[in-house]
Amino acid sequence: MNRLVAIGEASEALGVSIATLRRWETEGKLVPERTAAGHRRYDLAKLKPELFHMAQDERRTLAYARVSSHDQKDDLERQKQVLELYCARQGWTFEVIADLGSGMNYRKKGLKRLLDDIVEDRVGRLVLTHKDRLLRFGAELVFAICEAKQVEVVILNQGEDTTFEEDLAKDVLEIITVFSARLYGSRSRKNQKLLDGVKKAVEESQS
């Protein structure tokens, strides 16, 4: 179904006259899109969202797994297996999305796809092994979006993640790398000295 329609189709979908649509536009109650040629087009997804929203039982279950680095691929596979087993036992039709990247990175391919599907009402349930697998900071914002979109969030383990300290150390290092580069320049001696010191402290904390 085409989302953008001409005024005649929009008036039919809403059950009002074309004159009423034009009056609503004049009053600022309705703002149409404009084509390159300047023609009015009305977004049916905004005017009649029920035409585009899936019924609750048609929306999918998405399970999301993430690790920070390539050397944690075994943990990523374990996460996926846990999610698959849990969802299968519940009898859900599901898909697992896996990401490899820092919990500070909001531009991961899998995360962007997950958020797009949630916003477009294609998801009815989100399953995670731990909250921090989603994002280090900002997971609550995603959960708020889920609540607004009536997406059930299932977190299998409420306790601390077994890789919490390792991931946190890498995330802290990433933050300091970005800010020290801004302060001193990415190739400056001060920047490198600071990063060497932080790396040493991280290695000592993990030993």
C-alpha atoms as a PDB file:
ATOM      1  CA  MET A   1       0.000   0.000   0.000  1.00  0.00           C
ATOM      2  CA  ASN A   2       1.329   3.416  -0.983  1.00  0.00           C
ATOM      3  CA  ARG A   3       1.789   5.707   2.016  1.00  0.00           C
ATOM      4  CA  LEU A   4       1.687   8.977   0.057  1.00  0.00           C
ATOM      5  CA  VAL A   5      -1.547   9.611  -1.848  1.00  0.00           C
ATOM      6  CA  ALA A   6      -3.274  12.460  -3.655  1.00  0.00           C
ATOM      7  CA  ILE A   7      -5.961  14.541  -1.968  1.00  0.00           C
ATOM      8  CA  GLY A   8      -8.839  12.569  -3.500  1.00  0.00           C
ATOM      9  CA  GLU A   9      -7.635   9.230  -2.111  1.00  0.00           C
ATOM     10  CA  ALA A  10      -6.852  10.851   1.240  1.00  0.00           C
ATOM     11  CA  SER A  11     -10.359  12.285   1.534  1.00  0.00           C
ATOM     12  CA  GLU A  12     -11.858   8.878   0.701  1.00  0.00           C
ATOM     13  CA  ALA A  13      -9.667   7.117   3.285  1.00  0.00           C
ATOM     14  CA  LEU A  14     -10.710   9.589   5.988  1.00  0.00           C
ATOM     15  CA  GLY A  15     -14.345   9.776   4.933  1.00  0.00           C
ATOM     16  CA  VAL A  16     -14.336  13.563   4.585  1.00  0.00           C
ATOM     17  CA  SER A  17     -14.628  15.923   1.650  1.00  0.00           C
ATOM     18  CA  ILE A  18     -11.711  17.431  -0.241  1.00  0.00           C
ATOM     19  CA  ALA A  19     -12.892  20.857   0.956  1.00  0.00           C
ATOM     20  CA  THR A  20     -12.560  19.665   4.561  1.00  0.00           C
ATOM     21  CA  LEU A  21      -8.984  18.494   3.961  1.00  0.00           C
ATOM     22  CA  ARG A  22      -8.113  21.865   2.455  1.00  0.00           C
ATOM     23  CA  ARG A  23      -9.711  23.660   5.403  1.00  0.00           C
ATOM     24  CA  TRP A  24      -7.709  21.493   7.855  1.00  0.00           C
ATOM     25  CA  GLU A  25      -4.554  22.398   5.984  1.00  0.00           C
ATOM     26  CA  THR A  26      -5.387  26.125   6.197  1.00  0.00           C
ATOM     27  CA  GLU A  27      -6.030  25.771   9.931  1.00  0.00           C
ATOM     28  CA  GLY A  28      -2.714  23.969  10.409  1.00  0.00           C
ATOM     29  CA  LYS A  29      -4.384  20.733  11.515  1.00  0.00           C
ATOM     30  CA  LEU A  30      -3.015  18.829   8.539  1.00  0.00           C
ATOM     31  CA  VAL A  31       0.333  19.293   6.796  1.00  0.00           C
ATOM     32  CA  PRO A  32       0.697  17.479   3.466  1.00  0.00           C
ATOM     33  CA  GLU A  33       3.974  16.419   1.877  1.00  0.00           C
ATOM     34  CA  ARG A  34       5.068  18.069  -1.345  1.00  0.00           C
ATOM     35  CA  THR A  35       6.443  16.360  -4.442  1.00  0.00           C
ATOM     36  CA  ALA A  36       9.349  17.807  -6.426  1.00  0.00           C
ATOM     37  CA  ALA A  37       6.750  19.358  -8.729  1.00  0.00           C
ATOM     38  CA  GLY A  38       4.934  20.937  -5.783  1.00  0.00           C
ATOM     39  CA  HIS A  39       1.905  18.615  -5.723  1.00  0.00           C
ATOM     40  CA  ARG A  40       0.243  17.792  -2.397  1.00  0.00           C
ATOM     41  CA  ARG A  41       0.616  14.257  -1.099  1.00  0.00           C
ATOM     42  CA  TYR A  42      -0.901  12.941   2.121  1.00  0.00           C
ATOM     43  CA  ASP A  43       0.763  10.336   4.313  1.00  0.00           C
ATOM     44  CA  LEU A  44      -1.781   7.582   4.977  1.00  0.00           C
ATOM     45  CA  ALA A  45       0.460   6.116   7.683  1.00  0.00           C
ATOM     46  CA  LYS A  46      -0.211   9.299   9.685  1.00  0.00           C
ATOM     47  CA  LEU A  47      -3.843   9.756   8.670  1.00  0.00           C
ATOM     48  CA  LYS A  48      -4.853   6.096   9.059  1.00  0.00           C
ATOM     49  CA  PRO A  49      -2.062   4.339  10.995  1.00  0.00           C
ATOM     50  CA  GLU A  50      -4.210   1.247  11.559  1.00  0.00           C
ATOM     51  CA  LEU A  51      -3.822   0.469   7.857  1.00  0.00           C
ATOM     52  CA  PHE A  52      -0.093   0.022   8.341  1.00  0.00           C
ATOM     53  CA  HIS A  53       0.238  -1.339  11.875  1.00  0.00           C
ATOM     54  CA  MET A  54       0.438  -5.104  12.180  1.00  0.00           C
ATOM     55  CA  ALA A  55      -1.857  -6.867  14.575  1.00  0.00           C
ATOM     56  CA  GLN A  56      -0.180  -7.876  17.834  1.00  0.00           C
ATOM     57  CA  ASP A  57      -0.140 -11.575  16.930  1.00  0.00           C
ATOM     58  CA  GLU A  58       1.494 -10.826  13.555  1.00  0.00           C
ATOM     59  CA  ARG A  59       4.475  -8.998  15.009  1.00  0.00           C
ATOM     60  CA  ARG A  60       7.706 -10.920  15.392  1.00  0.00           C
ATOM     61  CA  THR A  61       9.910 -11.821  18.291  1.00  0.00           C
ATOM     62  CA  LEU A  62      13.450 -10.499  17.853  1.00  0.00           C
ATOM     63  CA  ALA A  63      16.310 -11.718  20.034  1.00  0.00           C
ATOM     64  CA  TYR A  64      19.422  -9.544  20.179  1.00  0.00           C
ATOM     65  CA  ALA A  65      22.967 -10.708  20.951  1.00  0.00           C
ATOM     66  CA  ARG A  66      26.145  -8.617  21.060  1.00  0.00           C
ATOM     67  CA  VAL A  67      29.816  -8.794  21.980  1.00  0.00           C
ATOM     68  CA  SER A  68      32.410  -6.037  21.887  1.00  0.00           C
ATOM     69  CA  SER A  69      35.271  -7.615  19.938  1.00  0.00           C
ATOM     70  CA  HIS A  70      36.291 -10.440  17.603  1.00  0.00           C
ATOM     71  CA  ASP A  71      38.012 -12.363  20.394  1.00  0.00           C
ATOM     72  CA  GLN A  72      34.584 -12.784  22.054  1.00  0.00           C
ATOM     73  CA  LYS A  73      32.997 -14.641  19.142  1.00  0.00           C
ATOM     74  CA  ASP A  74      32.608 -17.783  21.243  1.00  0.00           C
ATOM     75  CA  ASP A  75      30.562 -15.787  23.749  1.00  0.00           C
ATOM     76  CA  LEU A  76      28.451 -14.411  20.904  1.00  0.00           C
ATOM     77  CA  GLU A  77      27.645 -17.962  19.793  1.00  0.00           C
ATOM     78  CA  ARG A  78      26.727 -18.897  23.369  1.00  0.00           C
ATOM     79  CA  GLN A  79      24.381 -15.915  23.597  1.00  0.00           C
ATOM     80  CA  LYS A  80      22.708 -16.893  20.333  1.00  0.00           C
ATOM     81  CA  GLN A  81      22.261 -20.488  21.476  1.00  0.00           C
ATOM     82  CA  VAL A  82      20.730 -19.389  24.797  1.00  0.00           C
ATOM     83  CA  LEU A  83      18.328 -17.032  23.006  1.00  0.00           C
ATOM     84  CA  GLU A  84      17.373 -19.616  20.390  1.00  0.00           C
ATOM     85  CA  LEU A  85      16.730 -22.305  22.995  1.00  0.00           C
ATOM     86  CA  TYR A  86      14.633 -19.998  25.181  1.00  0.00           C
ATOM     87  CA  CYS A  87      12.500 -18.671  22.329  1.00  0.00           C
ATOM     88  CA  ALA A  88      11.990 -22.145  20.877  1.00  0.00           C
ATOM     89  CA  ARG A  89      10.850 -23.473  24.252  1.00  0.00           C
ATOM     90  CA  GLN A  90       8.255 -20.682  24.444  1.00  0.00           C
ATOM     91  CA  GLY A  91       6.939 -21.681  21.027  1.00  0.00           C
ATOM     92  CA  TRP A  92       7.652 -18.240  19.551  1.00  0.00           C
ATOM     93  CA  THR A  93       8.412 -17.530  15.912  1.00  0.00           C
ATOM     94  CA  PHE A  94      11.633 -15.584  16.255  1.00  0.00           C
ATOM     95  CA  GLU A  95      14.800 -14.260  14.659  1.00  0.00           C
ATOM     96  CA  VAL A  96      18.169 -13.625  16.279  1.00  0.00           C
ATOM     97  CA  ILE A  97      20.048 -10.433  15.405  1.00  0.00           C
ATOM     98  CA  ALA A  98      23.753 -10.488  16.303  1.00  0.00           C
ATOM     99  CA  ASP A  99      26.128  -7.524  16.505  1.00  0.00           C
ATOM    100  CA  LEU A 100      29.864  -7.273  16.981  1.00  0.00           C
ATOM    101  CA  GLY A 101      30.799  -3.885  18.405  1.00  0.00           C
ATOM    102  CA  SER A 102      31.107  -1.733  21.477  1.00  0.00           C
ATOM    103  CA  GLY A 103      28.153  -1.086  23.746  1.00  0.00           C
ATOM    104  CA  MET A 104      28.958   2.610  23.215  1.00  0.00           C
ATOM    105  CA  ASN A 105      28.409   2.359  19.457  1.00  0.00           C
ATOM    106  CA  TYR A 106      24.863   3.389  18.476  1.00  0.00           C
ATOM    107  CA  ARG A 107      25.453   2.841  14.761  1.00  0.00           C
ATOM    108  CA  LYS A 108      25.849  -0.933  14.688  1.00  0.00           C
ATOM    109  CA  LYS A 109      24.051  -2.513  11.752  1.00  0.00           C
ATOM    110  CA  GLY A 110      22.031  -4.977  13.812  1.00  0.00           C
ATOM    111  CA  LEU A 111      20.986  -2.372  16.389  1.00  0.00           C
ATOM    112  CA  LYS A 112      19.816   0.029  13.676  1.00  0.00           C
ATOM    113  CA  ARG A 113      17.770  -2.713  12.065  1.00  0.00           C
ATOM    114  CA  LEU A 114      16.280  -3.666  15.434  1.00  0.00           C
ATOM    115  CA  LEU A 115      15.246  -0.069  16.146  1.00  0.00           C
ATOM    116  CA  ASP A 116      13.815   0.378  12.643  1.00  0.00           C
ATOM    117  CA  ASP A 117      11.672  -2.733  13.053  1.00  0.00           C
ATOM    118  CA  ILE A 118      10.439  -1.592  16.481  1.00  0.00           C
ATOM    119  CA  VAL A 119       9.522   1.883  15.231  1.00  0.00           C
ATOM    120  CA  GLU A 120       7.736   0.415  12.197  1.00  0.00           C
ATOM    121  CA  ASP A 121       5.614  -1.866  14.450  1.00  0.00           C
ATOM    122  CA  ARG A 122       7.105  -5.077  13.097  1.00  0.00           C
ATOM    123  CA  VAL A 123       8.219  -6.319  16.536  1.00  0.00           C
ATOM    124  CA  GLY A 124       6.039  -7.585  19.349  1.00  0.00           C
ATOM    125  CA  ARG A 125       8.745  -8.889  21.652  1.00  0.00           C
ATOM    126  CA  LEU A 126      12.450  -8.208  22.296  1.00  0.00           C
ATOM    127  CA  VAL A 127      14.564 -10.857  24.058  1.00  0.00           C
ATOM    128  CA  LEU A 128      18.015 -10.216  25.580  1.00  0.00           C
ATOM    129  CA  THR A 129      20.367 -12.303  27.700  1.00  0.00           C
ATOM    130  CA  HIS A 130      21.389  -9.184  29.685  1.00  0.00           C
ATOM    131  CA  LYS A 131      20.373  -5.532  29.508  1.00  0.00           C
ATOM    132  CA  ASP A 132      23.948  -4.443  28.733  1.00  0.00           C
ATOM    133  CA  ARG A 133      23.992  -6.603  25.602  1.00  0.00           C
ATOM    134  CA  LEU A 134      21.771  -3.941  24.031  1.00  0.00           C
ATOM    135  CA  LEU A 135      23.729  -0.792  24.965  1.00  0.00           C
ATOM    136  CA  ARG A 136      26.091   0.253  27.734  1.00  0.00           C
ATOM    137  CA  PHE A 137      24.253   3.545  28.202  1.00  0.00           C
ATOM    138  CA  GLY A 138      20.874   4.314  26.704  1.00  0.00           C
ATOM    139  CA  ALA A 139      19.180   0.935  26.996  1.00  0.00           C
ATOM    140  CA  GLU A 140      16.434   2.540  29.100  1.00  0.00           C
ATOM    141  CA  LEU A 141      15.621   4.873  26.202  1.00  0.00           C
ATOM    142  CA  VAL A 142      15.184   1.888  23.891  1.00  0.00           C
ATOM    143  CA  PHE A 143      12.998   0.215  26.509  1.00  0.00           C
ATOM    144  CA  ALA A 144      10.877   3.384  26.676  1.00  0.00           C
ATOM    145  CA  ILE A 145      10.391   3.198  22.902  1.00  0.00           C
ATOM    146  CA  CYS A 146       9.422  -0.454  23.299  1.00  0.00           C
ATOM    147  CA  GLU A 147       6.852   0.487  25.928  1.00  0.00           C
ATOM    148  CA  ALA A 148       5.392   3.182  23.678  1.00  0.00           C
ATOM    149  CA  LYS A 149       5.190   0.689  20.818  1.00  0.00           C
ATOM    150  CA  GLN A 150       3.768  -2.047  23.069  1.00  0.00           C
ATOM    151  CA  VAL A 151       6.799  -4.270  22.598  1.00  0.00           C
ATOM    152  CA  GLU A 152       7.352  -6.787  25.387  1.00  0.00           C
ATOM    153  CA  VAL A 153      10.954  -6.818  26.661  1.00  0.00           C
ATOM    154  CA  VAL A 154      12.262 -10.108  28.061  1.00  0.00           C
ATOM    155  CA  ILE A 155      15.652 -10.073  29.838  1.00  0.00           C
ATOM    156  CA  LEU A 156      16.739 -13.604  30.684  1.00  0.00           C
ATOM    157  CA  ASN A 157      19.384 -12.701  33.286  1.00  0.00           C
ATOM    158  CA  GLN A 158      18.861  -9.755  35.616  1.00  0.00           C
ATOM    159  CA  GLY A 159      22.216 -10.250  37.337  1.00  0.00           C
ATOM    160  CA  GLU A 160      25.620  -9.046  36.230  1.00  0.00           C
ATOM    161  CA  ASP A 161      26.898 -10.231  32.881  1.00  0.00           C
ATOM    162  CA  THR A 162      29.915 -12.541  33.062  1.00  0.00           C
ATOM    163  CA  THR A 163      31.740 -10.322  30.545  1.00  0.00           C
ATOM    164  CA  PHE A 164      30.734  -7.082  32.292  1.00  0.00           C
ATOM    165  CA  GLU A 165      34.199  -6.053  33.524  1.00  0.00           C
ATOM    166  CA  GLU A 166      35.929  -6.867  30.247  1.00  0.00           C
ATOM    167  CA  ASP A 167      33.372  -4.988  28.166  1.00  0.00           C
ATOM    168  CA  LEU A 168      33.306  -2.039  30.566  1.00  0.00           C
ATOM    169  CA  ALA A 169      37.094  -1.713  30.409  1.00  0.00           C
ATOM    170  CA  LYS A 170      36.956  -1.622  26.608  1.00  0.00           C
ATOM    171  CA  ASP A 171      34.144   0.925  26.651  1.00  0.00           C
ATOM    172  CA  VAL A 172      36.058   3.180  29.066  1.00  0.00           C
ATOM    173  CA  LEU A 173      39.109   2.936  26.835  1.00  0.00           C
ATOM    174  CA  GLU A 174      36.973   3.902  23.829  1.00  0.00           C
ATOM    175  CA  ILE A 175      35.596   6.962  25.635  1.00  0.00           C
ATOM    176  CA  ILE A 176      39.047   8.133  26.702  1.00  0.00           C
ATOM    177  CA  THR A 177      40.420   7.537  23.192  1.00  0.00           C
ATOM    178  CA  VAL A 178      37.767   9.792  21.657  1.00  0.00           C
ATOM    179  CA  PHE A 179      38.068  12.596  24.202  1.00  0.00           C
ATOM    180  CA  SER A 180      41.862  12.575  24.381  1.00  0.00           C
ATOM    181  CA  ALA A 181      42.024  12.777  20.584  1.00  0.00           C
ATOM    182  CA  ARG A 182      39.761  15.834  20.703  1.00  0.00           C
ATOM    183  CA  LEU A 183      41.832  17.454  23.425  1.00  0.00           C
ATOM    184  CA  TYR A 184      45.311  16.773  22.130  1.00  0.00           C
ATOM    185  CA  GLY A 185      44.918  15.539  18.560  1.00  0.00           C
ATOM    186  CA  SER A 186      44.920  11.884  17.537  1.00  0.00           C
ATOM    187  CA  ARG A 187      48.661  11.870  16.693  1.00  0.00           C
ATOM    188  CA  SER A 188      49.974  13.995  19.535  1.00  0.00           C
ATOM    189  CA  ARG A 189      52.468  12.674  22.084  1.00  0.00           C
ATOM    190  CA  LYS A 190      50.170  13.696  24.956  1.00  0.00           C
ATOM    191  CA  ASN A 191      47.357  11.657  23.465  1.00  0.00           C
ATOM    192  CA  GLN A 192      49.531   8.581  23.012  1.00  0.00           C
ATOM    193  CA  LYS A 193      50.996   8.895  26.507  1.00  0.00           C
ATOM    194  CA  LEU A 194      47.519   9.104  28.034  1.00  0.00           C
ATOM    195  CA  LEU A 195      46.269   6.119  26.043  1.00  0.00           C
ATOM    196  CA  ASP A 196      49.313   4.030  26.968  1.00  0.00           C
ATOM    197  CA  GLY A 197      48.667   4.806  30.627  1.00  0.00           C
ATOM    198  CA  VAL A 198      44.991   3.898  30.366  1.00  0.00           C
ATOM    199  CA  LYS A 199      45.732   0.660  28.514  1.00  0.00           C
ATOM    200  CA  LYS A 200      48.231  -0.325  31.181  1.00  0.00           C
ATOM    201  CA  ALA A 201      45.696   0.390  33.936  1.00  0.00           C
ATOM    202  CA  VAL A 202      43.031  -1.642  32.106  1.00  0.00           C
ATOM    203  CA  GLU A 203      45.402  -4.592  31.652  1.00  0.00           C
ATOM    204  CA  GLU A 204      46.390  -4.474  35.321  1.00  0.00           C
ATOM    205  CA  SER A 205      42.734  -4.397  36.428  1.00  0.00           C
ATOM    206  CA  GLN A 206      42.006  -7.530  34.401  1.00  0.00           C
ATOM    207  CA  SER A 207      45.037  -9.499  35.559  1.00  0.00           C
END
